[in-house]
N, C-alpha and C. Protein backbone atom coordinates (compact mmCIF):
# COMPACT_ATOMS: atom_id res chain seq x y z
N MET A 1 109.87 105.35 109.28
CA MET A 1 111.15 105.54 109.95
C MET A 1 111.28 104.46 111.02
N THR A 2 112.44 103.83 111.09
CA THR A 2 112.66 102.78 112.08
C THR A 2 112.80 103.41 113.46
N SER A 3 112.63 102.57 114.47
CA SER A 3 112.73 103.11 115.83
C SER A 3 114.16 103.58 116.15
N ASP A 4 115.17 102.93 115.53
CA ASP A 4 116.56 103.39 115.70
C ASP A 4 116.74 104.81 115.18
N ASN A 5 116.20 105.06 113.97
CA ASN A 5 116.30 106.39 113.39
C ASN A 5 115.52 107.40 114.22
N ALA A 6 114.35 107.03 114.71
CA ALA A 6 113.54 107.94 115.53
C ALA A 6 114.28 108.27 116.82
N ASP A 7 114.93 107.28 117.44
CA ASP A 7 115.70 107.53 118.66
C ASP A 7 116.85 108.48 118.39
N LYS A 8 117.56 108.27 117.27
CA LYS A 8 118.68 109.15 116.92
C LYS A 8 118.20 110.58 116.69
N LEU A 9 117.06 110.71 116.02
CA LEU A 9 116.51 112.03 115.74
C LEU A 9 116.12 112.74 117.04
N ARG A 10 115.49 111.99 117.97
CA ARG A 10 115.11 112.58 119.27
C ARG A 10 116.34 113.04 120.05
N LYS A 11 117.39 112.21 120.05
CA LYS A 11 118.63 112.58 120.76
C LYS A 11 119.27 113.81 120.13
N PHE A 12 119.27 113.86 118.80
CA PHE A 12 119.83 115.02 118.11
C PHE A 12 119.01 116.27 118.44
N ALA A 13 117.70 116.16 118.46
CA ALA A 13 116.83 117.30 118.79
C ALA A 13 117.11 117.77 120.22
N ARG A 14 117.27 116.83 121.14
CA ARG A 14 117.57 117.18 122.53
C ARG A 14 118.89 117.95 122.61
N ASN A 15 119.89 117.49 121.86
CA ASN A 15 121.18 118.17 121.83
C ASN A 15 121.03 119.59 121.25
N MET A 16 120.22 119.73 120.21
CA MET A 16 120.00 121.05 119.61
C MET A 16 119.31 122.00 120.59
N ARG A 17 118.39 121.47 121.40
CA ARG A 17 117.73 122.31 122.42
C ARG A 17 118.74 122.80 123.46
N SER A 18 119.75 121.98 123.72
CA SER A 18 120.77 122.34 124.71
C SER A 18 121.77 123.35 124.18
N ASN A 19 121.87 123.47 122.85
CA ASN A 19 122.87 124.34 122.23
C ASN A 19 122.22 125.23 121.17
N PRO A 20 121.30 126.11 121.58
CA PRO A 20 120.61 126.94 120.58
C PRO A 20 121.52 128.02 120.00
N THR A 21 121.19 128.44 118.78
CA THR A 21 121.87 129.59 118.20
C THR A 21 121.34 130.84 118.91
N GLU A 22 122.00 131.96 118.71
CA GLU A 22 121.55 133.21 119.33
C GLU A 22 120.14 133.57 118.84
N ALA A 23 119.90 133.40 117.55
CA ALA A 23 118.58 133.72 116.99
C ALA A 23 117.50 132.82 117.59
N GLU A 24 117.78 131.52 117.74
CA GLU A 24 116.81 130.60 118.33
C GLU A 24 116.54 130.96 119.78
N GLU A 25 117.58 131.32 120.50
CA GLU A 25 117.43 131.70 121.91
C GLU A 25 116.54 132.93 122.06
N ARG A 26 116.76 133.92 121.21
CA ARG A 26 115.95 135.15 121.26
C ARG A 26 114.49 134.88 120.91
N LEU A 27 114.28 134.11 119.86
CA LEU A 27 112.90 133.82 119.47
C LEU A 27 112.21 132.97 120.52
N TRP A 28 112.90 132.00 121.08
CA TRP A 28 112.32 131.15 122.11
C TRP A 28 111.91 131.99 123.32
N GLY A 29 112.69 133.01 123.64
CA GLY A 29 112.33 133.91 124.73
C GLY A 29 110.99 134.60 124.50
N ALA A 30 110.66 134.85 123.24
CA ALA A 30 109.40 135.51 122.90
C ALA A 30 108.23 134.51 122.78
N LEU A 31 108.54 133.25 122.51
CA LEU A 31 107.48 132.25 122.27
C LEU A 31 107.14 131.41 123.49
N ARG A 32 108.12 131.14 124.34
CA ARG A 32 107.92 130.19 125.44
C ARG A 32 106.87 130.67 126.43
N GLY A 33 106.30 129.73 127.13
CA GLY A 33 105.33 130.07 128.16
C GLY A 33 104.08 130.74 127.64
N ARG A 34 103.70 130.43 126.41
CA ARG A 34 102.49 131.00 125.79
C ARG A 34 102.51 132.53 125.73
N ARG A 35 103.71 133.09 125.54
CA ARG A 35 103.86 134.55 125.50
C ARG A 35 103.31 135.18 124.23
N LEU A 36 103.18 134.41 123.16
CA LEU A 36 102.67 134.94 121.90
C LEU A 36 101.23 134.47 121.72
N ASP A 37 100.30 135.36 121.89
CA ASP A 37 98.87 135.07 121.70
C ASP A 37 98.40 133.83 122.45
N ARG A 38 99.05 133.53 123.58
CA ARG A 38 98.68 132.38 124.41
C ARG A 38 98.78 131.03 123.67
N LEU A 39 99.60 131.00 122.62
CA LEU A 39 99.80 129.78 121.85
C LEU A 39 100.98 128.99 122.42
N LYS A 40 100.84 127.68 122.45
CA LYS A 40 101.91 126.82 122.96
C LYS A 40 102.85 126.44 121.82
N PHE A 41 104.09 126.85 121.94
CA PHE A 41 105.13 126.49 120.98
C PHE A 41 106.07 125.48 121.62
N ARG A 42 106.59 124.59 120.81
CA ARG A 42 107.64 123.66 121.21
C ARG A 42 108.84 123.94 120.32
N ARG A 43 110.04 123.62 120.81
CA ARG A 43 111.23 123.90 119.99
C ARG A 43 112.03 122.63 119.74
N GLN A 44 112.72 122.64 118.59
CA GLN A 44 113.55 121.51 118.16
C GLN A 44 112.78 120.21 118.28
N VAL A 45 111.73 120.10 117.48
CA VAL A 45 110.81 118.97 117.54
C VAL A 45 111.01 118.04 116.33
N PRO A 46 111.26 116.74 116.58
CA PRO A 46 111.30 115.79 115.47
C PRO A 46 109.90 115.65 114.87
N LEU A 47 109.81 115.81 113.55
CA LEU A 47 108.51 115.75 112.89
C LEU A 47 108.70 115.20 111.48
N ARG A 48 108.16 114.04 111.21
CA ARG A 48 108.21 113.42 109.87
C ARG A 48 109.63 113.31 109.31
N GLY A 49 110.58 112.94 110.16
CA GLY A 49 111.95 112.76 109.68
C GLY A 49 112.80 114.01 109.65
N PHE A 50 112.23 115.14 110.05
CA PHE A 50 112.94 116.42 110.13
C PHE A 50 112.95 116.87 111.59
N ILE A 51 113.82 117.82 111.90
CA ILE A 51 113.74 118.50 113.19
C ILE A 51 113.39 119.94 112.89
N VAL A 52 112.22 120.36 113.36
CA VAL A 52 111.78 121.73 113.10
C VAL A 52 112.19 122.61 114.28
N ASP A 53 112.54 123.86 113.99
CA ASP A 53 113.00 124.76 115.06
C ASP A 53 111.90 125.03 116.08
N PHE A 54 110.74 125.45 115.60
CA PHE A 54 109.62 125.75 116.49
C PHE A 54 108.34 125.27 115.83
N VAL A 55 107.43 124.74 116.63
CA VAL A 55 106.14 124.30 116.08
C VAL A 55 105.04 124.64 117.08
N CYS A 56 103.92 125.11 116.53
CA CYS A 56 102.71 125.34 117.32
C CYS A 56 101.64 124.47 116.68
N MET A 57 101.27 123.38 117.35
CA MET A 57 100.30 122.46 116.78
C MET A 57 98.90 123.09 116.72
N GLU A 58 98.55 123.92 117.72
CA GLU A 58 97.23 124.58 117.72
C GLU A 58 97.03 125.42 116.47
N ALA A 59 98.07 126.17 116.11
CA ALA A 59 97.99 127.08 114.95
C ALA A 59 98.44 126.39 113.66
N LYS A 60 98.87 125.12 113.77
CA LYS A 60 99.39 124.37 112.62
C LYS A 60 100.48 125.17 111.91
N LEU A 61 101.47 125.60 112.71
CA LEU A 61 102.51 126.48 112.21
C LEU A 61 103.89 125.97 112.59
N ILE A 62 104.80 125.96 111.62
CA ILE A 62 106.22 125.66 111.85
C ILE A 62 106.99 126.93 111.59
N VAL A 63 107.92 127.26 112.47
CA VAL A 63 108.79 128.42 112.27
C VAL A 63 110.22 127.90 112.19
N GLU A 64 110.90 128.22 111.10
CA GLU A 64 112.28 127.80 110.89
C GLU A 64 113.18 129.02 110.82
N LEU A 65 114.29 128.99 111.53
CA LEU A 65 115.32 130.02 111.43
C LEU A 65 116.52 129.38 110.76
N MET A 66 117.06 130.07 109.75
CA MET A 66 118.20 129.49 109.05
C MET A 66 118.98 130.59 108.35
N ALA A 67 120.18 130.25 107.94
CA ALA A 67 120.99 131.18 107.17
C ALA A 67 120.29 131.42 105.83
N PHE A 68 120.40 132.63 105.30
CA PHE A 68 119.75 132.96 104.03
C PHE A 68 120.12 131.97 102.93
N SER A 69 121.34 131.48 102.94
CA SER A 69 121.77 130.56 101.88
C SER A 69 121.00 129.25 101.89
N MET A 70 120.47 128.86 103.03
CA MET A 70 119.72 127.62 103.13
C MET A 70 118.23 127.82 102.86
N LEU A 71 117.77 129.04 102.95
CA LEU A 71 116.34 129.33 102.88
C LEU A 71 115.71 128.82 101.59
N THR A 72 116.32 129.08 100.45
CA THR A 72 115.75 128.66 99.17
C THR A 72 115.67 127.15 99.07
N ALA A 73 116.72 126.45 99.48
CA ALA A 73 116.73 124.99 99.38
C ALA A 73 115.62 124.37 100.22
N VAL A 74 115.41 124.87 101.40
CA VAL A 74 114.36 124.31 102.26
C VAL A 74 112.98 124.61 101.70
N MET A 75 112.78 125.82 101.23
CA MET A 75 111.47 126.18 100.71
C MET A 75 111.14 125.41 99.43
N THR A 76 112.13 125.03 98.65
CA THR A 76 111.84 124.34 97.39
C THR A 76 111.93 122.82 97.51
N HIS A 77 112.49 122.32 98.60
CA HIS A 77 112.65 120.86 98.71
C HIS A 77 111.96 120.32 99.95
N GLY A 78 112.73 120.02 100.97
CA GLY A 78 112.21 119.33 102.14
C GLY A 78 111.10 120.03 102.89
N GLY A 79 111.19 121.33 103.05
CA GLY A 79 110.21 122.04 103.86
C GLY A 79 108.80 121.94 103.33
N ILE A 80 108.64 122.07 102.04
CA ILE A 80 107.31 122.00 101.45
C ILE A 80 106.74 120.59 101.60
N ARG A 81 107.57 119.57 101.37
CA ARG A 81 107.11 118.18 101.54
C ARG A 81 106.68 117.94 102.98
N LEU A 82 107.47 118.41 103.93
CA LEU A 82 107.14 118.22 105.34
C LEU A 82 105.78 118.84 105.65
N CYS A 83 105.57 120.05 105.20
CA CYS A 83 104.32 120.75 105.49
C CYS A 83 103.14 120.05 104.85
N ALA A 84 103.32 119.57 103.65
CA ALA A 84 102.23 118.88 102.96
C ALA A 84 101.86 117.61 103.72
N CYS A 85 102.86 116.88 104.20
CA CYS A 85 102.60 115.63 104.92
C CYS A 85 101.94 115.90 106.27
N ALA A 86 102.35 116.94 106.95
CA ALA A 86 101.86 117.20 108.29
C ALA A 86 100.70 118.20 108.32
N ALA A 87 100.30 118.71 107.17
CA ALA A 87 99.21 119.70 107.06
C ALA A 87 99.50 120.92 107.94
N LEU A 88 100.74 121.40 107.88
CA LEU A 88 101.15 122.58 108.65
C LEU A 88 101.66 123.65 107.70
N ARG A 89 101.62 124.90 108.16
CA ARG A 89 102.20 126.01 107.38
C ARG A 89 103.65 126.19 107.82
N LEU A 90 104.51 126.54 106.87
CA LEU A 90 105.92 126.77 107.18
C LEU A 90 106.23 128.25 107.03
N SER A 91 106.79 128.83 108.06
CA SER A 91 107.31 130.18 108.00
C SER A 91 108.81 130.08 108.22
N ALA A 92 109.59 130.43 107.23
CA ALA A 92 111.05 130.34 107.34
C ALA A 92 111.62 131.75 107.32
N PHE A 93 112.51 132.01 108.26
CA PHE A 93 113.12 133.32 108.39
C PHE A 93 114.63 133.18 108.30
N GLY A 94 115.24 134.00 107.48
CA GLY A 94 116.69 133.98 107.35
C GLY A 94 117.34 134.75 108.47
N THR A 95 118.53 134.30 108.86
CA THR A 95 119.31 135.01 109.86
C THR A 95 120.67 135.33 109.25
N LEU A 96 121.27 136.39 109.69
CA LEU A 96 122.60 136.76 109.20
C LEU A 96 123.63 135.96 109.98
N MET A 97 124.48 135.25 109.26
CA MET A 97 125.50 134.45 109.93
C MET A 97 126.83 134.77 109.36
């Protein structure tokens, strides 16, 4: 990825952190500040050309929140490739929209 693309991705991730969905806001309230098993989570993180909703590097875990209609596409396409490249597990949860 070129540095221009990486910069754009970082800016987009920053914007997403500033405008979370209700589901992201609720989950972040439960994860932030090591509230879940003292694990450090980060949100809206650029990773291998994607922006993941939440990631815990210690646990090698990505958590994605998305509309049910998107869940299948991510699990069968980009999400699996991302996890394979980064050696992380993906947990995707559907939200009602």
